[in-house]
C-alpha atoms as a PDB file:
ATOM      1  CA  LEU A   1     134.374 102.677  96.585  1.00  0.00           C
ATOM      2  CA  GLY A   2     138.188 102.843  98.175  1.00  0.00           C
ATOM      3  CA  LEU A   3     139.304 100.414  95.241  1.00  0.00           C
ATOM      4  CA  GLY A   4     141.076 102.997  93.192  1.00  0.00           C
ATOM      5  CA  ASN A   5     140.830 103.139  89.448  1.00  0.00           C
ATOM      6  CA  THR A   6     138.740 100.246  88.533  1.00  0.00           C
ATOM      7  CA  GLY A   7     137.046 101.923  85.286  1.00  0.00           C
ATOM      8  CA  ALA A   8     134.233 104.097  84.876  1.00  0.00           C
ATOM      9  CA  LEU A   9     131.386 101.151  84.821  1.00  0.00           C
ATOM     10  CA  ALA A  10     132.671 100.194  88.377  1.00  0.00           C
ATOM     11  CA  GLY A  11     131.080 103.350  89.206  1.00  0.00           C
ATOM     12  CA  LYS A  12     127.678 102.740  88.121  1.00  0.00           C
ATOM     13  CA  PRO A  13     126.093 101.341  91.285  1.00  0.00           C
ATOM     14  CA  VAL A  14     127.260 104.102  93.332  1.00  0.00           C
ATOM     15  CA  MET A  15     126.059 106.844  90.624  1.00  0.00           C
ATOM     16  CA  GLU A  16     122.818 105.185  90.529  1.00  0.00           C
ATOM     17  CA  GLY A  17     122.391 105.005  94.041  1.00  0.00           C
ATOM     18  CA  LYS A  18     123.161 108.847  94.064  1.00  0.00           C
ATOM     19  CA  GLY A  19     120.496 109.260  91.719  1.00  0.00           C
ATOM     20  CA  VAL A  20     118.144 107.368  94.062  1.00  0.00           C
ATOM     21  CA  LEU A  21     119.188 109.881  96.783  1.00  0.00           C
ATOM     22  CA  PHE A  22     118.493 113.046  95.020  1.00  0.00           C
ATOM     23  CA  LYS A  23     115.269 111.904  93.745  1.00  0.00           C
ATOM     24  CA  HIS A  24     113.877 110.570  96.953  1.00  0.00           C
ATOM     25  CA  PHE A  25     115.133 113.477  99.122  1.00  0.00           C
ATOM     26  CA  ALA A  26     114.776 116.386  96.780  1.00  0.00           C
ATOM     27  CA  GLY A  27     112.539 115.406  94.154  1.00  0.00           C
ATOM     28  CA  ILE A  28     115.467 116.033  91.525  1.00  0.00           C
ATOM     29  CA  ASP A  29     115.660 113.697  88.191  1.00  0.00           C
ATOM     30  CA  VAL A  30     119.289 112.706  87.478  1.00  0.00           C
ATOM     31  CA  PHE A  31     121.032 110.641  84.965  1.00  0.00           C
ATOM     32  CA  ASP A  32     124.028 108.865  86.047  1.00  0.00           C
ATOM     33  CA  ILE A  33     126.610 109.216  83.353  1.00  0.00           C
ATOM     34  CA  GLU A  34     129.972 107.280  83.842  1.00  0.00           C
ATOM     35  CA  VAL A  35     132.812 108.696  81.693  1.00  0.00           C
ATOM     36  CA  ASP A  36     135.649 106.789  80.503  1.00  0.00           C
ATOM     37  CA  ALA A  37     138.387 109.232  80.496  1.00  0.00           C
ATOM     38  CA  ALA A  38     141.907 108.433  80.900  1.00  0.00           C
ATOM     39  CA  HIS A  39     142.629 112.448  81.599  1.00  0.00           C
ATOM     40  CA  PRO A  40     140.948 115.262  83.033  1.00  0.00           C
ATOM     41  CA  SER A  41     140.870 117.508  79.693  1.00  0.00           C
ATOM     42  CA  GLU A  42     138.911 114.353  78.076  1.00  0.00           C
ATOM     43  CA  PHE A  43     136.599 114.338  81.168  1.00  0.00           C
ATOM     44  CA  ILE A  44     136.222 118.164  81.203  1.00  0.00           C
ATOM     45  CA  ASP A  45     135.711 118.226  77.385  1.00  0.00           C
ATOM     46  CA  THR A  46     133.146 115.270  77.380  1.00  0.00           C
ATOM     47  CA  VAL A  47     131.221 117.406  80.277  1.00  0.00           C
ATOM     48  CA  VAL A  48     131.407 120.750  78.178  1.00  0.00           C
ATOM     49  CA  ARG A  49     129.769 119.126  75.271  1.00  0.00           C
ATOM     50  CA  ILE A  50     126.612 117.245  77.226  1.00  0.00           C
ATOM     51  CA  ALA A  51     126.024 120.309  79.530  1.00  0.00           C
ATOM     52  CA  SER A  52     123.546 121.935  77.342  1.00  0.00           C
ATOM     53  CA  THR A  53     121.144 119.003  78.183  1.00  0.00           C
ATOM     54  CA  PHE A  54     121.205 119.562  82.293  1.00  0.00           C
ATOM     55  CA  GLY A  55     120.402 122.159  84.787  1.00  0.00           C
ATOM     56  CA  GLY A  56     123.409 121.042  86.790  1.00  0.00           C
ATOM     57  CA  ILE A  57     126.315 118.744  87.311  1.00  0.00           C
ATOM     58  CA  ASN A  58     127.034 116.911  90.456  1.00  0.00           C
ATOM     59  CA  LEU A  59     130.643 115.275  90.347  1.00  0.00           C
ATOM     60  CA  GLU A  60     131.368 112.111  92.218  1.00  0.00           C
ATOM     61  CA  ASP A  61     134.558 110.151  93.205  1.00  0.00           C
ATOM     62  CA  ILE A  62     137.006 111.980  91.208  1.00  0.00           C
ATOM     63  CA  ALA A  63     140.654 111.799  92.840  1.00  0.00           C
ATOM     64  CA  ALA A  64     142.688 114.715  94.104  1.00  0.00           C
ATOM     65  CA  PRO A  65     144.387 116.493  92.444  1.00  0.00           C
ATOM     66  CA  HIS A  66     142.440 116.164  89.513  1.00  0.00           C
ATOM     67  CA  CYS A  67     139.310 116.661  91.154  1.00  0.00           C
ATOM     68  CA  PHE A  68     140.322 120.371  91.620  1.00  0.00           C
ATOM     69  CA  GLU A  69     141.393 120.997  88.208  1.00  0.00           C
ATOM     70  CA  ILE A  70     138.271 119.405  86.629  1.00  0.00           C
ATOM     71  CA  GLU A  71     135.721 121.305  88.896  1.00  0.00           C
ATOM     72  CA  GLN A  72     137.507 124.630  87.955  1.00  0.00           C
ATOM     73  CA  ALA A  73     137.745 124.219  84.570  1.00  0.00           C
ATOM     74  CA  LEU A  74     134.180 123.300  84.014  1.00  0.00           C
ATOM     75  CA  ALA A  75     132.931 126.089  86.793  1.00  0.00           C
ATOM     76  CA  GLU A  76     134.846 128.923  84.322  1.00  0.00           C
ATOM     77  CA  GLN A  77     132.823 126.940  81.067  1.00  0.00           C
ATOM     78  CA  LEU A  78     129.777 126.365  82.242  1.00  0.00           C
ATOM     79  CA  ASP A  79     126.697 128.683  83.475  1.00  0.00           C
ATOM     80  CA  ILE A  80     125.192 125.939  85.477  1.00  0.00           C
ATOM     81  CA  PRO A  81     126.028 124.459  89.097  1.00  0.00           C
ATOM     82  CA  VAL A  82     129.051 122.587  89.130  1.00  0.00           C
ATOM     83  CA  PHE A  83     129.522 120.635  92.511  1.00  0.00           C
ATOM     84  CA  HIS A  84     132.106 117.735  93.226  1.00  0.00           C
ATOM     85  CA  ASP A  85     130.202 116.456  96.366  1.00  0.00           C
ATOM     86  CA  ASP A  86     133.255 114.562  97.506  1.00  0.00           C
ATOM     87  CA  GLN A  87     134.876 117.947  98.356  1.00  0.00           C
ATOM     88  CA  HIS A  88     132.198 120.669  99.206  1.00  0.00           C
ATOM     89  CA  GLY A  89     129.530 118.142 100.013  1.00  0.00           C
ATOM     90  CA  THR A  90     131.666 116.628 102.648  1.00  0.00           C
ATOM     91  CA  ALA A  91     133.307 119.872 103.993  1.00  0.00           C
ATOM     92  CA  ILE A  92     129.612 121.504 104.412  1.00  0.00           C
ATOM     93  CA  ILE A  93     128.451 118.511 106.744  1.00  0.00           C
ATOM     94  CA  ILE A  94     131.871 118.731 108.626  1.00  0.00           C
ATOM     95  CA  ALA A  95     131.631 122.662 109.048  1.00  0.00           C
ATOM     96  CA  ALA A  96     128.059 122.291 110.502  1.00  0.00           C
ATOM     97  CA  GLY A  97     128.926 119.550 112.673  1.00  0.00           C
ATOM     98  CA  LEU A  98     132.195 121.163 113.965  1.00  0.00           C
ATOM     99  CA  LEU A  99     130.416 124.381 114.563  1.00  0.00           C
ATOM    100  CA  ASN A 100     127.924 122.821 116.710  1.00  0.00           C
ATOM    101  CA  ALA A 101     130.368 120.542 118.583  1.00  0.00           C
ATOM    102  CA  LEU A 102     132.966 123.528 119.261  1.00  0.00           C
ATOM    103  CA  GLU A 103     129.877 125.513 120.807  1.00  0.00           C
ATOM    104  CA  ILE A 104     128.841 122.556 123.286  1.00  0.00           C
ATOM    105  CA  GLN A 105     132.771 121.979 124.298  1.00  0.00           C
ATOM    106  CA  GLY A 106     132.855 125.914 125.117  1.00  0.00           C
ATOM    107  CA  LYS A 107     135.390 126.549 121.983  1.00  0.00           C
ATOM    108  CA  THR A 108     135.116 128.881 118.966  1.00  0.00           C
ATOM    109  CA  LEU A 109     136.470 128.224 115.369  1.00  0.00           C
ATOM    110  CA  GLU A 110     138.452 131.235 115.324  1.00  0.00           C
ATOM    111  CA  GLU A 111     140.621 130.056 118.515  1.00  0.00           C
ATOM    112  CA  ALA A 112     140.432 125.992 117.741  1.00  0.00           C
ATOM    113  CA  LYS A 113     143.635 124.038 116.864  1.00  0.00           C
ATOM    114  CA  ILE A 114     142.785 121.723 114.557  1.00  0.00           C
ATOM    115  CA  VAL A 115     144.445 118.395 112.798  1.00  0.00           C
ATOM    116  CA  VAL A 116     143.358 117.527 109.582  1.00  0.00           C
ATOM    117  CA  LEU A 117     144.486 113.841 108.278  1.00  0.00           C
ATOM    118  CA  GLY A 118     144.003 113.370 104.840  1.00  0.00           C
ATOM    119  CA  ALA A 119     144.657 115.813 101.858  1.00  0.00           C
ATOM    120  CA  GLY A 120     142.642 114.665  98.969  1.00  0.00           C
ATOM    121  CA  ALA A 121     139.276 116.433  97.765  1.00  0.00           C
ATOM    122  CA  ALA A 122     137.498 116.222 101.162  1.00  0.00           C
ATOM    123  CA  GLY A 123     140.551 117.286 103.399  1.00  0.00           C
ATOM    124  CA  ILE A 124     141.388 120.283 101.100  1.00  0.00           C
ATOM    125  CA  ALA A 125     137.667 121.565 100.786  1.00  0.00           C
ATOM    126  CA  ALA A 126     137.072 121.314 104.388  1.00  0.00           C
ATOM    127  CA  VAL A 127     140.127 123.481 105.149  1.00  0.00           C
ATOM    128  CA  ARG A 128     139.226 125.620 102.654  1.00  0.00           C
ATOM    129  CA  LEU A 129     135.613 126.315 104.063  1.00  0.00           C
ATOM    130  CA  LEU A 130     136.597 126.464 107.624  1.00  0.00           C
ATOM    131  CA  CYS A 131     139.173 129.271 106.856  1.00  0.00           C
ATOM    132  CA  THR A 132     136.429 130.959 104.807  1.00  0.00           C
ATOM    133  CA  MET A 133     133.958 130.573 107.871  1.00  0.00           C
ATOM    134  CA  GLY A 134     136.743 131.915 110.488  1.00  0.00           C
ATOM    135  CA  ALA A 135     139.290 129.430 111.432  1.00  0.00           C
ATOM    136  CA  HIS A 136     142.750 130.977 111.311  1.00  0.00           C
ATOM    137  CA  ARG A 137     145.157 128.930 108.750  1.00  0.00           C
ATOM    138  CA  ASN A 138     148.109 128.775 111.155  1.00  0.00           C
ATOM    139  CA  ASN A 139     145.768 126.995 113.449  1.00  0.00           C
ATOM    140  CA  ILE A 140     145.465 124.236 110.950  1.00  0.00           C
ATOM    141  CA  LEU A 141     147.716 121.211 110.460  1.00  0.00           C
ATOM    142  CA  VAL A 142     147.122 118.975 107.257  1.00  0.00           C
ATOM    143  CA  LEU A 143     148.739 115.821 106.899  1.00  0.00           C
ATOM    144  CA  ASP A 144     149.132 113.079 103.983  1.00  0.00           C
ATOM    145  CA  ARG A 145     150.842 109.721 103.732  1.00  0.00           C
ATOM    146  CA  GLN A 146     154.419 111.531 104.506  1.00  0.00           C
ATOM    147  CA  GLY A 147     153.322 113.314 107.447  1.00  0.00           C
ATOM    148  CA  VAL A 148     152.602 117.357 108.129  1.00  0.00           C
ATOM    149  CA  ILE A 149     152.198 119.503 105.154  1.00  0.00           C
ATOM    150  CA  HIS A 150     154.761 121.920 105.778  1.00  0.00           C
ATOM    151  CA  ALA A 151     156.193 124.994 104.105  1.00  0.00           C
ATOM    152  CA  GLY A 152     159.730 123.146 103.919  1.00  0.00           C
ATOM    153  CA  ARG A 153     158.458 120.229 102.094  1.00  0.00           C
ATOM    154  CA  GLU A 154     159.419 119.939  98.027  1.00  0.00           C
ATOM    155  CA  ASN A 155     157.393 118.719  95.221  1.00  0.00           C
ATOM    156  CA  LEU A 156     154.105 119.894  96.583  1.00  0.00           C
ATOM    157  CA  ASN A 157     151.342 120.513  94.158  1.00  0.00           C
ATOM    158  CA  PRO A 158     149.446 123.828  94.208  1.00  0.00           C
ATOM    159  CA  PHE A 159     146.429 122.428  96.121  1.00  0.00           C
ATOM    160  CA  LYS A 160     148.685 120.666  99.064  1.00  0.00           C
ATOM    161  CA  PHE A 161     151.312 123.853  99.035  1.00  0.00           C
ATOM    162  CA  SER A 162     147.886 126.210  99.999  1.00  0.00           C
ATOM    163  CA  VAL A 163     147.414 124.298 103.367  1.00  0.00           C
ATOM    164  CA  ALA A 164     151.108 124.005 103.856  1.00  0.00           C
ATOM    165  CA  ALA A 165     152.068 125.100 107.336  1.00  0.00           C
ATOM    166  CA  ASP A 166     154.969 127.047 109.034  1.00  0.00           C
ATOM    167  CA  THR A 167     155.814 124.479 111.821  1.00  0.00           C
ATOM    168  CA  ASP A 168     158.190 122.098 112.981  1.00  0.00           C
ATOM    169  CA  LYS A 169     155.934 119.262 113.620  1.00  0.00           C
ATOM    170  CA  ARG A 170     156.007 116.204 111.163  1.00  0.00           C
ATOM    171  CA  THR A 171     153.977 113.655 112.510  1.00  0.00           C
ATOM    172  CA  LEU A 172     150.718 112.817 113.398  1.00  0.00           C
ATOM    173  CA  ALA A 173     151.579 112.291 116.997  1.00  0.00           C
ATOM    174  CA  GLU A 174     153.011 115.506 117.132  1.00  0.00           C
ATOM    175  CA  ALA A 175     150.401 117.499 115.702  1.00  0.00           C
ATOM    176  CA  MET A 176     147.757 115.747 117.667  1.00  0.00           C
ATOM    177  CA  HIS A 177     149.450 117.226 120.882  1.00  0.00           C
ATOM    178  CA  GLY A 178     147.110 119.826 122.198  1.00  0.00           C
ATOM    179  CA  ALA A 179     144.948 119.909 119.406  1.00  0.00           C
ATOM    180  CA  ASP A 180     141.264 120.914 119.799  1.00  0.00           C
ATOM    181  CA  VAL A 181     139.852 119.026 116.797  1.00  0.00           C
ATOM    182  CA  PHE A 182     140.904 116.076 114.644  1.00  0.00           C
ATOM    183  CA  ILE A 183     139.260 115.488 111.554  1.00  0.00           C
ATOM    184  CA  GLY A 184     140.111 112.346 109.507  1.00  0.00           C
ATOM    185  CA  VAL A 185     139.468 111.868 105.991  1.00  0.00           C
ATOM    186  CA  SER A 186     142.094 109.208 105.069  1.00  0.00           C
ATOM    187  CA  GLY A 187     142.339 105.516 106.466  1.00  0.00           C
ATOM    188  CA  PRO A 188     141.503 103.046 109.128  1.00  0.00           C
ATOM    189  CA  ASP A 189     142.841 102.960 112.676  1.00  0.00           C
ATOM    190  CA  LEU A 190     145.251 105.460 112.046  1.00  0.00           C
ATOM    191  CA  VAL A 191     144.933 107.489 115.458  1.00  0.00           C
ATOM    192  CA  THR A 192     146.279 105.490 118.400  1.00  0.00           C
ATOM    193  CA  PRO A 193     144.991 105.612 121.978  1.00  0.00           C
ATOM    194  CA  GLU A 194     147.948 107.785 122.826  1.00  0.00           C
ATOM    195  CA  MET A 195     147.396 110.442 120.122  1.00  0.00           C
ATOM    196  CA  LEU A 196     143.934 110.516 121.316  1.00  0.00           C
ATOM    197  CA  ALA A 197     145.051 111.036 125.287  1.00  0.00           C
ATOM    198  CA  SER A 198     147.327 113.667 123.779  1.00  0.00           C
ATOM    199  CA  MET A 199     144.631 116.453 122.543  1.00  0.00           C
ATOM    200  CA  ALA A 200     143.665 119.238 124.498  1.00  0.00           C
ATOM    201  CA  GLU A 201     140.687 119.342 127.075  1.00  0.00           C
ATOM    202  CA  ARG A 202     137.318 118.887 125.681  1.00  0.00           C
ATOM    203  CA  PRO A 203     138.199 117.554 122.141  1.00  0.00           C
ATOM    204  CA  VAL A 204     136.297 117.004 118.953  1.00  0.00           C
ATOM    205  CA  VAL A 205     137.087 113.927 116.871  1.00  0.00           C
ATOM    206  CA  PHE A 206     135.788 113.800 113.762  1.00  0.00           C
ATOM    207  CA  ALA A 207     136.870 109.986 112.582  1.00  0.00           C
ATOM    208  CA  LEU A 208     134.993 109.773 108.991  1.00  0.00           C
ATOM    209  CA  SER A 209     137.186 106.968 107.077  1.00  0.00           C
ATOM    210  CA  ASN A 210     134.593 104.309 106.159  1.00  0.00           C
ATOM    211  CA  PRO A 211     134.170 101.565 107.167  1.00  0.00           C
ATOM    212  CA  VAL A 212     136.386 101.447 109.499  1.00  0.00           C
ATOM    213  CA  PRO A 213     137.336 105.048 111.216  1.00  0.00           C
ATOM    214  CA  GLU A 214     140.745 106.556 111.989  1.00  0.00           C
ATOM    215  CA  ILE A 215     139.813 105.429 115.489  1.00  0.00           C
ATOM    216  CA  ARG A 216     136.759 103.310 116.486  1.00  0.00           C
ATOM    217  CA  PRO A 217     134.402 104.874 118.955  1.00  0.00           C
ATOM    218  CA  GLU A 218     134.744 102.009 121.202  1.00  0.00           C
ATOM    219  CA  ILE A 219     138.210 102.600 121.590  1.00  0.00           C
ATOM    220  CA  ALA A 220     138.305 106.299 121.812  1.00  0.00           C
ATOM    221  CA  ASN A 221     135.557 106.255 124.590  1.00  0.00           C
ATOM    222  CA  GLN A 222     138.108 104.260 126.912  1.00  0.00           C
ATOM    223  CA  VAL A 223     140.757 107.026 126.564  1.00  0.00           C
ATOM    224  CA  ARG A 224     138.355 110.297 126.716  1.00  0.00           C
ATOM    225  CA  ASN A 225     135.217 110.933 128.316  1.00  0.00           C
ATOM    226  CA  ASP A 226     135.155 114.580 127.626  1.00  0.00           C
ATOM    227  CA  MET A 227     135.293 114.454 123.878  1.00  0.00           C
ATOM    228  CA  ILE A 228     132.353 114.866 121.019  1.00  0.00           C
ATOM    229  CA  MET A 229     132.914 112.241 118.190  1.00  0.00           C
ATOM    230  CA  ALA A 230     131.535 111.942 114.925  1.00  0.00           C
ATOM    231  CA  THR A 231     131.933 109.102 112.200  1.00  0.00           C
ATOM    232  CA  GLY A 232     130.893 108.260 108.770  1.00  0.00           C
ATOM    233  CA  ARG A 233     128.665 105.496 109.901  1.00  0.00           C
ATOM    234  CA  SER A 234     125.140 105.155 110.807  1.00  0.00           C
ATOM    235  CA  ASP A 235     125.470 102.877 113.472  1.00  0.00           C
ATOM    236  CA  TYR A 236     127.091 105.454 115.709  1.00  0.00           C
ATOM    237  CA  PRO A 237     125.742 108.864 117.151  1.00  0.00           C
ATOM    238  CA  ASN A 238     126.671 111.832 114.873  1.00  0.00           C
ATOM    239  CA  GLN A 239     127.030 110.229 111.380  1.00  0.00           C
ATOM    240  CA  VAL A 240     128.593 112.881 108.994  1.00  0.00           C
ATOM    241  CA  ASN A 241     126.664 112.134 105.826  1.00  0.00           C
ATOM    242  CA  ASN A 242     126.559 113.990 102.489  1.00  0.00           C
ATOM    243  CA  VAL A 243     122.962 113.041 101.860  1.00  0.00           C
ATOM    244  CA  LEU A 244     122.313 115.993 104.447  1.00  0.00           C
ATOM    245  CA  GLY A 245     123.565 118.450 101.877  1.00  0.00           C
ATOM    246  CA  PHE A 246     123.874 117.714  98.165  1.00  0.00           C
ATOM    247  CA  PRO A 247     120.174 116.957  97.492  1.00  0.00           C
ATOM    248  CA  PHE A 248     118.841 120.005  99.125  1.00  0.00           C
ATOM    249  CA  ILE A 249     121.780 122.476  97.999  1.00  0.00           C
ATOM    250  CA  PHE A 250     121.020 121.326  94.551  1.00  0.00           C
ATOM    251  CA  ARG A 251     117.054 121.688  94.766  1.00  0.00           C
ATOM    252  CA  GLY A 252     117.897 125.189  96.162  1.00  0.00           C
ATOM    253  CA  ALA A 253     119.945 126.415  93.088  1.00  0.00           C
ATOM    254  CA  LEU A 254     117.951 124.616  90.343  1.00  0.00           C
ATOM    255  CA  ASP A 255     114.840 126.282  92.274  1.00  0.00           C
ATOM    256  CA  VAL A 256     116.516 129.858  91.426  1.00  0.00           C
ATOM    257  CA  ARG A 257     118.278 128.794  88.305  1.00  0.00           C
ATOM    258  CA  ALA A 258     121.795 129.706  89.889  1.00  0.00           C
ATOM    259  CA  CYS A 259     124.796 129.690  87.713  1.00  0.00           C
ATOM    260  CA  CYS A 260     127.002 128.102  90.006  1.00  0.00           C
ATOM    261  CA  ILE A 261     127.191 126.917  93.700  1.00  0.00           C
ATOM    262  CA  ASN A 262     129.432 129.498  95.206  1.00  0.00           C
ATOM    263  CA  GLU A 263     130.863 130.038  99.006  1.00  0.00           C
ATOM    264  CA  ALA A 264     127.950 131.955 100.267  1.00  0.00           C
ATOM    265  CA  MET A 265     125.337 129.349  99.202  1.00  0.00           C
ATOM    266  CA  GLN A 266     127.630 126.736 100.841  1.00  0.00           C
ATOM    267  CA  ILE A 267     127.693 128.454 103.833  1.00  0.00           C
ATOM    268  CA  ALA A 268     124.014 129.242 103.993  1.00  0.00           C
ATOM    269  CA  ALA A 269     123.770 125.404 103.761  1.00  0.00           C
ATOM    270  CA  VAL A 270     125.962 125.058 106.743  1.00  0.00           C
ATOM    271  CA  ASN A 271     124.177 127.523 108.962  1.00  0.00           C
ATOM    272  CA  ALA A 272     121.047 126.089 107.970  1.00  0.00           C
ATOM    273  CA  LEU A 273     122.078 122.577 108.720  1.00  0.00           C
ATOM    274  CA  LYS A 274     123.679 123.816 112.171  1.00  0.00           C
ATOM    275  CA  ASN A 275     120.477 125.807 113.397  1.00  0.00           C
ATOM    276  CA  LEU A 276     117.915 122.667 112.490  1.00  0.00           C
ATOM    277  CA  THR A 277     119.918 120.838 115.044  1.00  0.00           C
ATOM    278  CA  HIS A 278     118.879 123.256 117.542  1.00  0.00           C
ATOM    279  CA  GLU A 279     115.026 122.641 116.832  1.00  0.00           C
ATOM    280  CA  PRO A 280     112.820 120.419 118.731  1.00  0.00           C
ATOM    281  CA  VAL A 281     112.645 117.043 116.702  1.00  0.00           C
ATOM    282  CA  PRO A 282     109.559 115.916 115.500  1.00  0.00           C
ATOM    283  CA  GLN A 283     107.837 112.604 116.791  1.00  0.00           C
ATOM    284  CA  LYS A 284     108.346 111.269 113.227  1.00  0.00           C
ATOM    285  CA  VAL A 285     112.224 111.370 113.126  1.00  0.00           C
ATOM    286  CA  LEU A 286     112.411 109.721 116.873  1.00  0.00           C
ATOM    287  CA  SER A 287     110.326 106.863 115.596  1.00  0.00           C
ATOM    288  CA  ALA A 288     112.316 106.399 112.245  1.00  0.00           C
ATOM    289  CA  TYR A 289     115.185 105.791 114.817  1.00  0.00           C
ATOM    290  CA  GLY A 290     113.812 104.164 117.274  1.00  0.00           C
ATOM    291  CA  LEU A 291     114.539 107.004 119.822  1.00  0.00           C
ATOM    292  CA  GLU A 292     112.531 108.643 122.722  1.00  0.00           C
ATOM    293  CA  GLU A 293     114.331 111.325 122.794  1.00  0.00           C
ATOM    294  CA  LEU A 294     116.811 113.578 120.617  1.00  0.00           C
ATOM    295  CA  SER A 295     118.109 116.844 121.397  1.00  0.00           C
ATOM    296  CA  SER A 296     121.180 119.173 121.038  1.00  0.00           C
ATOM    297  CA  GLY A 297     124.054 117.842 122.476  1.00  0.00           C
ATOM    298  CA  THR A 298     127.173 115.613 122.360  1.00  0.00           C
ATOM    299  CA  ASN A 299     125.285 112.767 120.574  1.00  0.00           C
ATOM    300  CA  TYR A 300     123.107 114.937 118.219  1.00  0.00           C
ATOM    301  CA  ILE A 301     125.496 117.625 116.426  1.00  0.00           C
ATOM    302  CA  LEU A 302     123.847 117.140 113.073  1.00  0.00           C
ATOM    303  CA  PRO A 303     120.086 116.477 111.601  1.00  0.00           C
ATOM    304  CA  LYS A 304     119.198 113.006 110.954  1.00  0.00           C
ATOM    305  CA  PRO A 305     118.855 111.941 107.051  1.00  0.00           C
ATOM    306  CA  LEU A 306     115.519 111.241 107.402  1.00  0.00           C
ATOM    307  CA  ASP A 307     114.389 114.321 108.933  1.00  0.00           C
ATOM    308  CA  ALA A 308     111.943 116.039 106.320  1.00  0.00           C
ATOM    309  CA  ARG A 309     112.575 119.572 107.573  1.00  0.00           C
ATOM    310  CA  LEU A 310     115.724 119.324 105.787  1.00  0.00           C
ATOM    311  CA  ARG A 311     113.748 120.188 102.495  1.00  0.00           C
ATOM    312  CA  ASN A 312     112.029 122.935 104.076  1.00  0.00           C
ATOM    313  CA  VAL A 313     115.176 124.633 105.678  1.00  0.00           C
ATOM    314  CA  ILE A 314     118.434 123.975 103.007  1.00  0.00           C
ATOM    315  CA  PRO A 315     116.907 125.105  99.726  1.00  0.00           C
ATOM    316  CA  PRO A 316     115.403 128.451 100.552  1.00  0.00           C
ATOM    317  CA  ALA A 317     118.763 129.094 102.358  1.00  0.00           C
ATOM    318  CA  VAL A 318     120.655 128.187  99.521  1.00  0.00           C
ATOM    319  CA  ALA A 319     118.277 130.038  97.172  1.00  0.00           C
ATOM    320  CA  ARG A 320     118.370 133.442  99.103  1.00  0.00           C
ATOM    321  CA  ALA A 321     122.209 133.114  98.952  1.00  0.00           C
ATOM    322  CA  ALA A 322     122.187 132.920  95.476  1.00  0.00           C
ATOM    323  CA  ILE A 323     119.727 135.644  94.919  1.00  0.00           C
ATOM    324  CA  GLU A 324     121.671 137.908  97.283  1.00  0.00           C
ATOM    325  CA  THR A 325     125.073 137.261  95.376  1.00  0.00           C
ATOM    326  CA  GLY A 326     123.662 138.014  92.006  1.00  0.00           C
ATOM    327  CA  VAL A 327     123.848 134.117  90.482  1.00  0.00           C
ATOM    328  CA  ALA A 328     120.348 133.615  90.280  1.00  0.00           C
ATOM    329  CA  LYS A 329     118.696 133.603  86.542  1.00  0.00           C
ATOM    330  CA  ALA A 330     115.115 133.183  88.183  1.00  0.00           C
ATOM    331  CA  GLY A 331     113.088 134.987  91.286  1.00  0.00           C
ATOM    332  CA  TRP A 332     112.206 134.110  94.372  1.00  0.00           C
ATOM    333  CA  PRO A 333     109.884 130.824  93.914  1.00  0.00           C
ATOM    334  CA  GLU A 334     106.326 131.075  94.787  1.00  0.00           C
ATOM    335  CA  HIS A 335     106.149 127.766  96.711  1.00  0.00           C
ATOM    336  CA  TYR A 336     108.629 129.092  98.954  1.00  0.00           C
ATOM    337  CA  PRO A 337     108.126 130.691 102.686  1.00  0.00           C
ATOM    338  CA  PRO A 338     108.946 134.832 102.135  1.00  0.00           C
ATOM    339  CA  MET A 339     112.565 135.524 101.907  1.00  0.00           C
ATOM    340  CA  GLU A 340     112.639 137.774 104.506  1.00  0.00           C
ATOM    341  CA  SER A 341     111.884 134.974 106.755  1.00  0.00           C
ATOM    342  CA  ILE A 342     114.844 132.792 105.735  1.00  0.00           C
ATOM    343  CA  SER A 343     118.024 133.266 108.106  1.00  0.00           C
END
């Protein structure tokens, strides 16, 4: 992870690990397939030719912008779910945590000024999903290595052009000034204490670079005492972890034989995750993490990965959205609770 294009075989440990997570958390049998392809068309052709074997395909660790091209082509050609977890999986967990954090901070998604550092798969997918859920496009600034992606930039690929802003801000420091939300899906130590200090009151900071965040919590907590912070790490509160999403999203899609995982199904997963955080936490979860108490608040904006209730709430929500949007090939599973009881 994070080493660039080191070849198909180098991805096998991650892919095998992902298969274990699918099986352990959602009871889904997985084949890990590492494709040695130098061009997106080769990869697409390979997947199309083997797709009849599978009920769904989870794409992993494909860099932008190829990931967008590949996923779109496969979704158009196949009648089974195709889901790039580095895009939508990350976006779904970010959205669920952000909605809870904004609520605690007394802010709304519709009004929040958002800075997204990183214009790869996760960053662009997060912007798309947040806009679908109510964020205003003109309140979002996206940055890559060259700074703010603005309408005057030349040679933008179509995916970066779709998130270009009409703004005179050019640097991260300028973008951060007065921002309500920072979402980092980029690299280590890119946010300075001064940038954090310049944000609006009661900010939300998602520094998700692994293993070193864009700004470390130890430093951030010295600068602000009014923020809610999340990272990608398990040794800090509020871990944004994709395992909260992909096993259960696929479980729901497979249980109703959905032909895709559409936006409605993704939003259903967001809301299921968001709402679960407001429920009383079972003793088993507290014991698993060595905690005496846990409730919705600044240090608990997302469920814990070992919370067994995830399998009870996310798949039915995703399945219901699939049925209601007409992409399910099978009816409501008998082992699910009544569909009308699923919000």
